[in-house]
Protein backbone atom coordinates (compact mmCIF):
# COMPACT_ATOMS: atom_id res chain seq x y z
CA GLY A 1 -7.94 2.07 -76.65
CA ALA A 2 -6.26 -1.21 -77.40
CA GLY A 3 -2.83 -0.99 -79.03
CA ILE A 4 0.88 -0.52 -78.46
CA TYR A 5 2.13 1.73 -75.66
CA CYS A 6 5.71 2.56 -74.77
CA LEU A 7 6.86 4.35 -71.62
CA ASP A 8 10.34 5.86 -71.63
CA PHE A 9 11.63 7.46 -68.42
CA TRP A 10 14.49 7.93 -65.98
CA ILE A 11 13.91 7.18 -62.28
CA LEU A 12 15.89 7.57 -59.06
CA PHE A 13 14.67 5.97 -55.84
CA THR A 14 15.67 7.79 -52.67
CA ALA A 15 17.06 5.99 -49.65
CA ASN A 16 13.68 6.36 -47.88
CA THR A 17 11.58 4.85 -50.69
CA LYS A 18 8.97 2.60 -49.04
CA ASP A 19 8.02 -0.43 -51.07
CA SER A 20 6.63 -2.82 -48.46
CA LEU A 21 5.35 -2.73 -44.89
CA ASN A 22 6.72 -5.17 -42.35
CA GLY A 23 7.64 -7.60 -45.13
CA ASN A 24 3.97 -8.33 -45.84
CA ASN A 25 4.23 -8.08 -49.63
CA ASN A 26 2.32 -4.80 -49.72
CA TRP A 27 3.19 -2.90 -52.84
CA ASN A 28 2.86 0.55 -54.26
CA TYR A 29 1.96 1.54 -57.84
CA ILE A 30 3.87 4.24 -59.63
CA TYR A 31 1.97 3.71 -62.92
CA GLN A 32 -1.43 2.32 -63.95
CA HIS A 33 -3.22 1.91 -67.27
CA ARG A 34 -6.96 1.42 -66.73
CA SER A 35 -10.13 1.14 -68.73
CA ASN A 36 -12.64 3.87 -67.83
CA LEU A 37 -15.24 1.13 -67.35
CA ASP A 38 -13.20 -0.04 -64.37
CA GLU A 39 -13.40 3.47 -62.91
CA GLN A 40 -17.18 3.14 -62.99
CA GLY A 41 -17.09 0.16 -60.65
CA GLY A 42 -16.74 -2.74 -63.06
CA THR A 43 -17.15 -6.14 -61.47
CA SER A 44 -13.47 -6.94 -61.81
CA PRO A 45 -11.19 -3.87 -61.90
CA SER A 46 -8.35 -3.84 -64.39
CA PRO A 47 -5.37 -1.86 -63.10
CA SER A 48 -3.47 -3.47 -65.87
CA PRO A 49 -0.79 -3.07 -66.75
CA ALA A 50 0.83 -1.40 -63.79
CA ILE A 51 4.34 -0.67 -62.56
CA GLY A 52 4.88 -1.12 -58.86
CA LEU A 53 7.42 -1.23 -56.07
CA MET A 54 7.61 -4.41 -54.02
CA ASP A 55 10.26 -5.85 -51.75
CA GLY A 56 13.13 -3.82 -53.20
CA GLN A 57 12.15 -4.47 -56.84
CA LEU A 58 10.47 -2.50 -59.60
CA ILE A 59 7.76 -4.83 -60.96
CA PHE A 60 5.51 -4.93 -64.02
CA VAL A 61 2.00 -6.29 -63.35
CA TRP A 62 -0.72 -7.33 -65.79
CA ARG A 63 -4.10 -8.97 -65.44
CA THR A 64 -4.98 -12.33 -66.92
CA PRO A 65 -8.44 -13.90 -66.99
CA THR A 66 -7.77 -15.66 -63.68
CA ASN A 67 -5.24 -13.54 -61.75
CA ASP A 68 -2.52 -10.91 -61.82
CA LYS A 69 0.96 -11.75 -63.04
CA SER A 70 4.11 -9.82 -62.23
CA ARG A 71 7.74 -9.82 -63.30
CA ASN A 72 10.75 -8.04 -61.79
CA LEU A 73 12.31 -5.20 -63.79
CA GLY A 74 15.28 -4.69 -61.49
CA SER A 75 16.39 -3.56 -58.06
CA LEU A 76 15.16 -0.19 -56.79
CA ASP A 77 18.80 0.67 -56.00
CA LYS A 78 17.59 2.94 -53.18
CA GLY A 79 19.80 5.97 -52.74
CA GLY A 80 21.87 4.81 -55.69
CA SER A 81 21.87 5.85 -59.33
CA TRP A 82 19.37 7.02 -61.90
CA HIS A 83 18.06 4.21 -64.14
CA HIS A 84 16.60 4.52 -67.62
CA TYR A 85 13.56 2.34 -68.35
CA THR A 86 11.81 1.69 -71.64
CA ILE A 87 8.70 -0.46 -71.31
CA LEU A 88 6.70 -1.53 -74.36
CA TYR A 89 3.41 -3.40 -74.13
CA ASN A 90 0.47 -4.29 -76.34
CA TRP A 91 -2.64 -3.37 -74.32
CA GLN A 92 -5.10 -6.10 -75.32
CA SER A 93 -7.98 -7.99 -73.76
CA GLY A 94 -7.46 -10.73 -76.37
CA SER A 95 -4.59 -13.16 -76.88
CA THR A 96 -2.13 -10.87 -78.70
CA GLY A 97 -0.69 -8.91 -75.76
CA TYR A 98 3.03 -8.80 -75.03
CA VAL A 99 5.49 -7.00 -72.75
CA GLN A 100 9.10 -5.96 -73.34
CA ALA A 101 11.24 -3.91 -70.93
CA PHE A 102 14.74 -2.46 -70.91
CA ARG A 103 16.75 -1.08 -67.99
CA ASP A 104 19.74 1.09 -68.88
CA GLY A 105 19.62 -0.30 -72.43
CA VAL A 106 19.65 -3.97 -71.35
CA GLU A 107 16.58 -6.08 -71.98
CA VAL A 108 15.22 -7.25 -68.60
CA LEU A 109 11.85 -8.65 -69.64
CA THR A 110 10.34 -10.20 -72.73
CA VAL A 111 7.03 -11.98 -72.47
CA GLY A 112 5.80 -12.78 -75.96
CA SER A 113 2.60 -14.71 -76.46
CA ASN A 114 2.62 -15.90 -72.83
CA PRO A 115 0.82 -12.92 -71.29
CA GLY A 116 -1.83 -13.01 -74.01
CA ARG A 117 -4.22 -10.71 -72.25
CA THR A 118 -2.62 -7.60 -70.75
CA ALA A 119 -5.93 -5.93 -69.83
CA LEU A 120 -9.26 -7.15 -68.52
CA ARG A 121 -11.04 -4.78 -70.92
CA THR A 122 -9.93 -2.01 -73.28
CA THR A 123 -13.29 -0.49 -74.17
CA GLY A 124 -14.93 2.67 -72.82
CA GLY A 125 -11.84 4.88 -72.99
CA HIS A 126 -8.80 4.67 -70.74
CA THR A 127 -6.52 6.57 -68.38
CA GLN A 128 -2.81 6.35 -67.62
CA ARG A 129 -1.49 7.56 -64.26
CA PHE A 130 1.94 8.11 -62.77
CA GLY A 131 2.21 8.67 -59.02
CA GLY A 132 2.96 6.96 -55.74
CA TYR A 133 -0.24 5.30 -54.58
CA ARG A 134 -2.00 1.98 -53.91
CA GLU A 135 -1.16 1.13 -50.30
CA PRO A 136 -2.57 4.05 -48.23
CA SER A 137 -0.06 3.60 -45.43
CA LEU A 138 2.83 4.02 -47.92
CA VAL A 139 1.60 7.21 -49.60
CA GLY A 140 3.42 10.26 -48.32
CA ARG A 141 6.41 8.20 -47.19
CA THR A 142 7.49 7.01 -50.62
CA SER A 143 9.73 9.29 -52.62
CA TYR A 144 11.41 8.97 -55.97
CA TYR A 145 12.42 11.28 -58.80
CA LEU A 146 11.04 10.82 -62.29
CA TRP A 147 12.57 12.58 -65.30
CA GLY A 148 11.94 12.68 -69.03
CA LEU A 149 8.70 10.68 -69.13
CA THR A 150 7.57 10.24 -72.72
CA LEU A 151 4.86 8.06 -74.20
CA HIS A 152 5.22 6.47 -77.64
CA ASN A 153 3.33 3.96 -79.78
CA SER A 154 6.54 2.05 -80.65
CA LEU A 155 10.07 1.66 -79.28
CA PRO A 156 11.93 4.98 -79.54
CA THR A 157 14.98 5.01 -81.78
CA GLY A 158 18.35 6.55 -81.03
């Protein structure tokens, strides 16, 4: 349920990673955290937070009461190097949510009390998913390598 979640992983985007179609701002999730109530057809789904690929950037997305917000976490560096990401967030439907992200040990995102809500709802159980999906026309043509994925309830040390 509600609480602190931390994703720690290494990722390499291949040269043929698709992150948008025809420049139309289509994007592709590689991670979602969802309430099970949303899976049952809730009136306003909450794929929040999510990590996506859009226009050459890795983005972090979260839902607010009125819309989705997103922030860049860095270039996809297609065909380039492996990058180490650590992303910490407080999954809350109230006003105490926050997001903090590091790329290769450098802080690239801190959103303290501003996000407030990082989930539409946190009741009814939850699921977390990694995989290339969201835009059907991108699935099957997007490739990346993921290594060392671990989940924590605080920032890892060392």
